[in-house]
Amino acid sequence: MKKYTAIIMLVVAIGLAVLAGWLGLTYLENREASIRSELARQKAPVEIVVASRDLYPGDPVDGNTMAIREIPREFVPSGAISVSQYDSVSGLRLKIPMKEGTALISAFIAGMQGVGSFSELLRPGERAITVDASPVASSENLLQAGDHIDLLSVVEEGDVFYMEELLDNVTVLATGPRTMADMGVGDDGQPYSSITVGVPVEDVAKMLRARAAGELSFLLRHPEDEKAANYGQDQGRYGIEVLAGGKANNGQLNANTYRAGDQERRYWNRQSAGQGRVYQLAEGAWDTETVSDSNEN
């Protein structure tokens, strides 16, 4: 009897070992199939929204700035906007720049979480300048970061009123400490006393002079309005006529050279022609000989 008991126990042990081996092999096969399926899913192409060209803060998210691209799912960055999510962000605006082909991520869009460096809001060749913003100039603090404005310099000297357009269609980068990266993320409607705009390098000196000399006005414009504005200024600027090298003849002043200029260094060059005057617009400085014979005011 003991002999049969030992045989039975041996058979049971062998059976359990075979069953354990089969179960282990089945688990490994299923695990391998699961891993292969996951790898295949990760490598499967996914359609996401990408920038169709180099874009800058304030640019809209629309069909002119975005495109669709297929990339493996494993390379899709976190927060990327898929084609199915595009309608929920269409029409919004970027708050940081994007390179062509870069995936559109929710953190790049104004009104969504995600803050980058303030310097990234500047376009290449721009410098940030902060100017005072009175309630009147800023439309009662209704200007927001991301708005498009025209900047005008307004100066009153006695009864004389001067207006000059400084910058056309610029983007407001910040209102007070609130930047485009903060748009739509709490604290809406907070008052501010300054705005910051990106100014092309070649216009920095003009902007600083205007800021020091007079009051700046900000004219809000539609973000899709790209036409140059004409606010009724004279097409030419007034200047002071400077006489040089002239001689009097019976009370008639016959100047060899006349010069009229303005603060923008746009000069009218006049050569005498009998008793008449012939004017010629001269962009930039005169040649050395003429300058040495002339006085500039």
Protein backbone atom coordinates (compact mmCIF):
# COMPACT_ATOMS: atom_id res chain seq x y z
CA MET A 1 0.00 0.00 0.00
CA LYS A 2 2.82 2.34 0.87
CA LYS A 3 4.37 1.52 -2.52
CA TYR A 4 1.26 2.69 -4.39
CA THR A 5 1.00 5.81 -2.24
CA ALA A 6 4.52 6.87 -3.21
CA ILE A 7 3.78 6.31 -6.90
CA ILE A 8 0.60 8.36 -6.70
CA MET A 9 2.40 11.24 -4.98
CA LEU A 10 5.13 11.14 -7.63
CA VAL A 11 2.57 11.30 -10.45
CA VAL A 12 0.77 14.21 -8.75
CA ALA A 13 4.05 16.10 -8.32
CA ILE A 14 4.96 15.54 -11.95
CA GLY A 15 1.51 16.74 -13.01
CA LEU A 16 1.76 19.86 -10.91
CA ALA A 17 5.20 20.61 -12.32
CA VAL A 18 3.91 20.20 -15.86
CA LEU A 19 0.94 22.45 -15.06
CA ALA A 20 3.18 25.10 -13.52
CA GLY A 21 5.47 24.99 -16.52
CA TRP A 22 2.54 25.31 -18.90
CA LEU A 23 1.08 28.21 -16.92
CA GLY A 24 4.46 29.96 -16.81
CA LEU A 25 4.97 29.48 -20.54
CA THR A 26 1.46 30.74 -21.25
CA TYR A 27 2.06 33.81 -19.07
CA LEU A 28 5.32 34.59 -20.83
CA GLU A 29 3.70 34.18 -24.23
CA ASN A 30 0.83 36.44 -23.25
CA ARG A 31 3.24 38.99 -21.77
CA GLU A 32 5.32 38.96 -24.94
CA ALA A 33 2.20 39.44 -27.05
CA SER A 34 1.14 42.34 -24.80
CA ILE A 35 4.56 43.99 -25.11
CA ARG A 36 4.58 43.51 -28.86
CA SER A 37 1.10 45.02 -29.05
CA GLU A 38 2.17 48.00 -26.93
CA LEU A 39 5.28 48.55 -29.03
CA ALA A 40 3.20 48.36 -32.19
CA ARG A 41 0.76 50.85 -30.71
CA GLN A 42 3.61 53.20 -29.76
CA LYS A 43 5.00 53.04 -33.28
CA ALA A 44 1.60 53.54 -34.89
CA PRO A 45 1.36 56.96 -36.59
CA VAL A 46 -0.72 59.63 -34.86
CA GLU A 47 -1.97 62.85 -36.43
CA ILE A 48 -1.07 65.97 -34.44
CA VAL A 49 -1.16 69.73 -35.11
CA VAL A 50 2.19 71.39 -35.91
CA ALA A 51 3.33 74.89 -36.92
CA SER A 52 3.35 75.34 -40.69
CA ARG A 53 6.00 78.11 -40.42
CA ASP A 54 7.96 80.03 -37.79
CA LEU A 55 5.41 81.68 -35.49
CA TYR A 56 5.59 84.35 -32.79
CA PRO A 57 3.58 85.37 -29.72
CA GLY A 58 0.20 86.76 -30.74
CA ASP A 59 -0.06 84.72 -33.93
CA PRO A 60 -3.42 82.94 -34.23
CA VAL A 61 -3.98 79.21 -34.19
CA ASP A 62 -5.72 78.69 -37.53
CA GLY A 63 -5.44 77.10 -40.94
CA ASN A 64 -2.84 79.63 -42.08
CA THR A 65 -0.41 78.90 -39.26
CA MET A 66 -0.99 75.22 -38.50
CA ALA A 67 -0.69 71.94 -40.39
CA ILE A 68 -1.28 68.24 -39.72
CA ARG A 69 1.59 65.78 -39.41
CA GLU A 70 1.79 62.05 -38.68
CA ILE A 71 4.45 60.96 -36.19
CA PRO A 72 4.92 57.76 -34.16
CA ARG A 73 2.92 57.85 -30.96
CA GLU A 74 6.08 57.27 -28.91
CA PHE A 75 7.45 60.63 -30.09
CA VAL A 76 4.32 62.66 -29.35
CA PRO A 77 5.23 65.23 -26.65
CA SER A 78 3.10 65.56 -23.56
CA GLY A 79 0.25 68.03 -24.03
CA ALA A 80 0.38 67.93 -27.84
CA ILE A 81 -2.85 68.97 -29.56
CA SER A 82 -4.31 66.16 -31.64
CA VAL A 83 -6.49 66.65 -34.70
CA SER A 84 -9.56 65.75 -32.64
CA GLN A 85 -8.71 68.52 -30.14
CA TYR A 86 -8.00 71.21 -32.75
CA ASP A 87 -11.50 72.72 -32.76
CA SER A 88 -11.21 73.52 -29.04
CA VAL A 89 -8.13 75.74 -29.59
CA SER A 90 -8.81 77.12 -33.07
CA GLY A 91 -8.89 80.92 -33.05
CA LEU A 92 -6.82 81.27 -29.88
CA ARG A 93 -3.37 82.89 -29.94
CA LEU A 94 0.14 81.77 -29.16
CA LYS A 95 1.96 83.12 -26.14
CA ILE A 96 5.43 81.79 -27.02
CA PRO A 97 7.21 81.38 -30.38
CA MET A 98 7.13 78.14 -32.39
CA LYS A 99 9.55 76.83 -34.99
CA GLU A 100 8.21 75.33 -38.22
CA GLY A 101 7.24 71.71 -37.68
CA THR A 102 7.04 72.00 -33.89
CA ALA A 103 4.08 70.24 -32.30
CA LEU A 104 1.40 72.56 -30.91
CA ILE A 105 1.28 72.02 -27.15
CA SER A 106 -1.45 73.33 -24.87
CA ALA A 107 1.16 75.26 -22.84
CA PHE A 108 1.99 77.30 -25.97
CA ILE A 109 -1.53 78.73 -26.20
CA ALA A 110 -2.70 81.85 -24.40
CA GLY A 111 -5.22 81.05 -21.70
CA MET A 112 -3.71 77.67 -20.86
CA GLN A 113 -1.25 76.80 -18.12
CA GLY A 114 2.46 76.99 -18.84
CA VAL A 115 4.89 79.90 -18.44
CA GLY A 116 8.14 80.38 -20.33
CA SER A 117 10.86 83.00 -20.25
CA PHE A 118 9.61 86.53 -20.91
CA SER A 119 12.42 87.07 -23.43
CA GLU A 120 10.91 84.32 -25.58
CA LEU A 121 7.96 86.61 -26.24
CA LEU A 122 10.21 88.90 -28.31
CA ARG A 123 10.66 88.39 -32.02
CA PRO A 124 14.24 88.30 -33.32
CA GLY A 125 15.53 91.86 -33.68
CA GLU A 126 13.21 93.31 -31.04
CA ARG A 127 13.84 94.88 -27.65
CA ALA A 128 11.30 95.17 -24.83
CA ILE A 129 10.37 98.71 -23.79
CA THR A 130 7.98 99.54 -20.97
CA VAL A 131 5.98 102.76 -21.11
CA ASP A 132 3.54 104.42 -18.73
CA ALA A 133 -0.09 103.68 -19.40
CA SER A 134 -2.67 106.07 -17.98
CA PRO A 135 -6.28 104.86 -17.81
CA VAL A 136 -7.18 107.11 -20.76
CA ALA A 137 -4.24 106.03 -22.91
CA SER A 138 -4.87 102.35 -22.18
CA SER A 139 -8.64 102.50 -22.85
CA GLU A 140 -9.43 102.39 -19.14
CA ASN A 141 -7.08 99.43 -18.57
CA LEU A 142 -8.97 97.37 -21.15
CA LEU A 143 -5.79 96.66 -23.09
CA GLN A 144 -4.61 93.11 -22.51
CA ALA A 145 -1.38 91.28 -23.21
CA GLY A 146 -1.66 89.94 -26.74
CA ASP A 147 -3.66 92.90 -28.08
CA HIS A 148 -2.46 94.72 -31.20
CA ILE A 149 -2.03 98.50 -31.01
CA ASP A 150 -0.66 101.51 -32.84
CA LEU A 151 1.63 103.77 -30.81
CA LEU A 152 1.42 107.54 -31.31
CA SER A 153 3.41 110.37 -29.76
CA VAL A 154 1.33 113.38 -28.78
CA VAL A 155 3.06 116.64 -27.83
CA GLU A 156 1.49 120.02 -27.08
CA GLU A 157 3.62 123.16 -27.20
CA GLY A 158 1.43 126.10 -26.35
CA ASP A 159 -1.27 126.27 -29.00
CA VAL A 160 0.60 123.89 -31.30
CA PHE A 161 -0.38 120.20 -31.32
CA TYR A 162 1.99 117.58 -32.72
CA MET A 163 1.09 113.96 -33.41
CA GLU A 164 3.43 111.34 -34.81
CA GLU A 165 2.85 107.65 -35.43
CA LEU A 166 5.71 105.76 -33.82
CA LEU A 167 4.91 102.08 -34.26
CA ASP A 168 2.27 100.37 -36.33
CA ASN A 169 0.49 97.13 -35.40
CA VAL A 170 2.65 96.03 -32.46
CA THR A 171 1.74 93.35 -29.96
CA VAL A 172 1.35 94.16 -26.27
CA LEU A 173 3.67 91.72 -24.50
CA ALA A 174 2.64 92.63 -20.96
CA THR A 175 0.33 94.88 -18.99
CA GLY A 176 2.05 95.64 -15.72
CA PRO A 177 3.62 92.36 -14.53
CA ARG A 178 1.05 90.26 -16.41
CA THR A 179 2.51 88.81 -19.61
CA MET A 180 1.07 86.98 -22.58
CA ALA A 181 2.09 83.75 -20.88
CA ASP A 182 -0.36 84.56 -18.07
CA MET A 183 -3.35 85.32 -20.29
CA GLY A 184 -6.49 83.59 -19.10
CA VAL A 185 -4.87 82.24 -15.93
CA GLY A 186 -6.52 84.08 -13.02
CA ASP A 187 -6.32 87.71 -11.88
CA ASP A 188 -8.20 89.02 -14.93
CA GLY A 189 -9.13 92.69 -14.83
CA GLN A 190 -6.37 93.77 -12.44
CA PRO A 191 -5.34 97.44 -12.90
CA TYR A 192 -1.92 98.33 -14.22
CA SER A 193 0.11 101.49 -14.84
CA SER A 194 2.42 100.39 -17.66
CA ILE A 195 2.56 98.23 -20.75
CA THR A 196 5.50 96.50 -22.42
CA VAL A 197 5.87 96.16 -26.18
CA GLY A 198 8.50 94.69 -28.47
CA VAL A 199 10.25 97.42 -30.48
CA PRO A 200 12.43 96.80 -33.55
CA VAL A 201 16.04 97.71 -32.82
CA GLU A 202 16.07 100.48 -35.42
CA ASP A 203 13.08 102.16 -33.71
CA VAL A 204 14.37 101.99 -30.13
CA ALA A 205 15.98 105.46 -30.12
CA LYS A 206 12.86 107.06 -31.60
CA MET A 207 10.69 105.29 -29.04
CA LEU A 208 12.85 106.38 -26.11
CA ARG A 209 12.85 110.01 -27.29
CA ALA A 210 9.10 110.00 -27.63
CA ARG A 211 8.67 108.44 -24.20
CA ALA A 212 10.80 111.16 -22.63
CA ALA A 213 9.35 114.08 -24.61
CA GLY A 214 5.62 113.59 -24.56
CA GLU A 215 2.59 111.51 -23.83
CA LEU A 216 2.09 108.24 -25.70
CA SER A 217 -1.30 107.13 -26.92
CA PHE A 218 -2.24 103.53 -27.63
CA LEU A 219 -4.84 102.85 -30.32
CA LEU A 220 -6.34 99.38 -30.13
CA ARG A 221 -6.80 97.63 -33.46
CA HIS A 222 -8.26 94.36 -34.68
CA PRO A 223 -5.59 91.62 -34.62
CA GLU A 224 -6.30 90.70 -38.24
CA ASP A 225 -6.14 94.31 -39.48
CA GLU A 226 -2.69 94.58 -41.05
CA LYS A 227 -3.27 97.73 -43.12
CA ALA A 228 -1.04 100.72 -42.43
CA ALA A 229 -3.07 103.38 -40.66
CA ASN A 230 -3.23 107.03 -41.71
CA TYR A 231 -4.34 109.29 -38.88
CA GLY A 232 -4.54 112.44 -40.98
CA GLN A 233 -0.95 113.57 -40.52
CA ASP A 234 0.59 115.58 -43.31
CA GLN A 235 2.50 113.32 -45.64
CA GLY A 236 5.55 115.63 -45.43
CA ARG A 237 7.07 116.92 -42.20
CA TYR A 238 7.77 120.54 -41.45
CA GLY A 239 11.33 121.66 -40.96
CA ILE A 240 13.43 124.78 -40.55
CA GLU A 241 14.90 126.21 -43.71
CA VAL A 242 18.59 126.91 -43.30
CA LEU A 243 20.36 129.35 -45.61
CA ALA A 244 24.04 128.85 -46.38
CA GLY A 245 26.54 130.58 -48.64
CA GLY A 246 24.05 133.23 -49.74
CA LYS A 247 24.71 136.76 -50.94
CA ALA A 248 22.42 139.77 -50.89
CA ASN A 249 21.77 141.58 -54.21
CA ASN A 250 19.71 144.79 -53.90
CA GLY A 251 17.89 143.32 -50.94
CA GLN A 252 17.27 139.96 -52.70
CA LEU A 253 18.89 137.03 -50.91
CA ASN A 254 20.23 134.54 -53.43
CA ALA A 255 21.35 131.53 -51.44
CA ASN A 256 23.50 128.90 -53.04
CA THR A 257 22.04 126.14 -50.87
CA TYR A 258 18.94 125.83 -48.73
CA ARG A 259 18.30 123.03 -46.30
CA ALA A 260 15.05 122.07 -44.59
CA GLY A 261 15.05 119.19 -42.16
CA ASP A 262 13.15 117.62 -39.28
CA GLN A 263 13.80 115.34 -36.35
CA GLU A 264 13.59 112.30 -38.58
CA ARG A 265 16.58 113.58 -40.63
CA ARG A 266 14.54 113.92 -43.80
CA TYR A 267 15.99 116.90 -45.65
CA TRP A 268 14.93 119.02 -48.57
CA ASN A 269 17.93 120.16 -50.60
CA ARG A 270 17.34 123.39 -52.53
CA GLN A 271 19.66 124.86 -55.09
CA SER A 272 19.12 128.43 -56.28
CA ALA A 273 17.73 128.90 -59.76
CA GLY A 274 17.67 132.61 -60.49
CA GLN A 275 15.07 134.16 -58.24
CA GLY A 276 13.11 130.88 -58.04
CA ARG A 277 13.75 127.88 -55.83
CA VAL A 278 14.25 124.26 -56.81
CA TYR A 279 13.82 121.67 -54.06
CA GLN A 280 14.97 118.06 -54.12
CA LEU A 281 14.23 115.48 -51.39
CA ALA A 282 17.48 114.13 -50.01
CA GLU A 283 17.19 111.01 -47.82
CA GLY A 284 20.01 110.77 -45.28
CA ALA A 285 22.97 113.05 -44.64
CA TRP A 286 24.43 115.39 -47.24
CA ASP A 287 27.86 114.93 -48.71
CA THR A 288 30.83 116.42 -46.87
CA GLU A 289 31.20 119.46 -49.07
CA THR A 290 27.56 120.48 -48.74
CA VAL A 291 27.52 119.89 -45.00
CA SER A 292 30.61 122.02 -44.55
CA ASP A 293 28.88 124.84 -46.39
CA SER A 294 25.59 124.50 -44.48
CA ASN A 295 24.27 125.00 -41.00
CA GLU A 296 21.81 122.48 -39.61
CA ASN A 297 19.10 123.18 -37.08
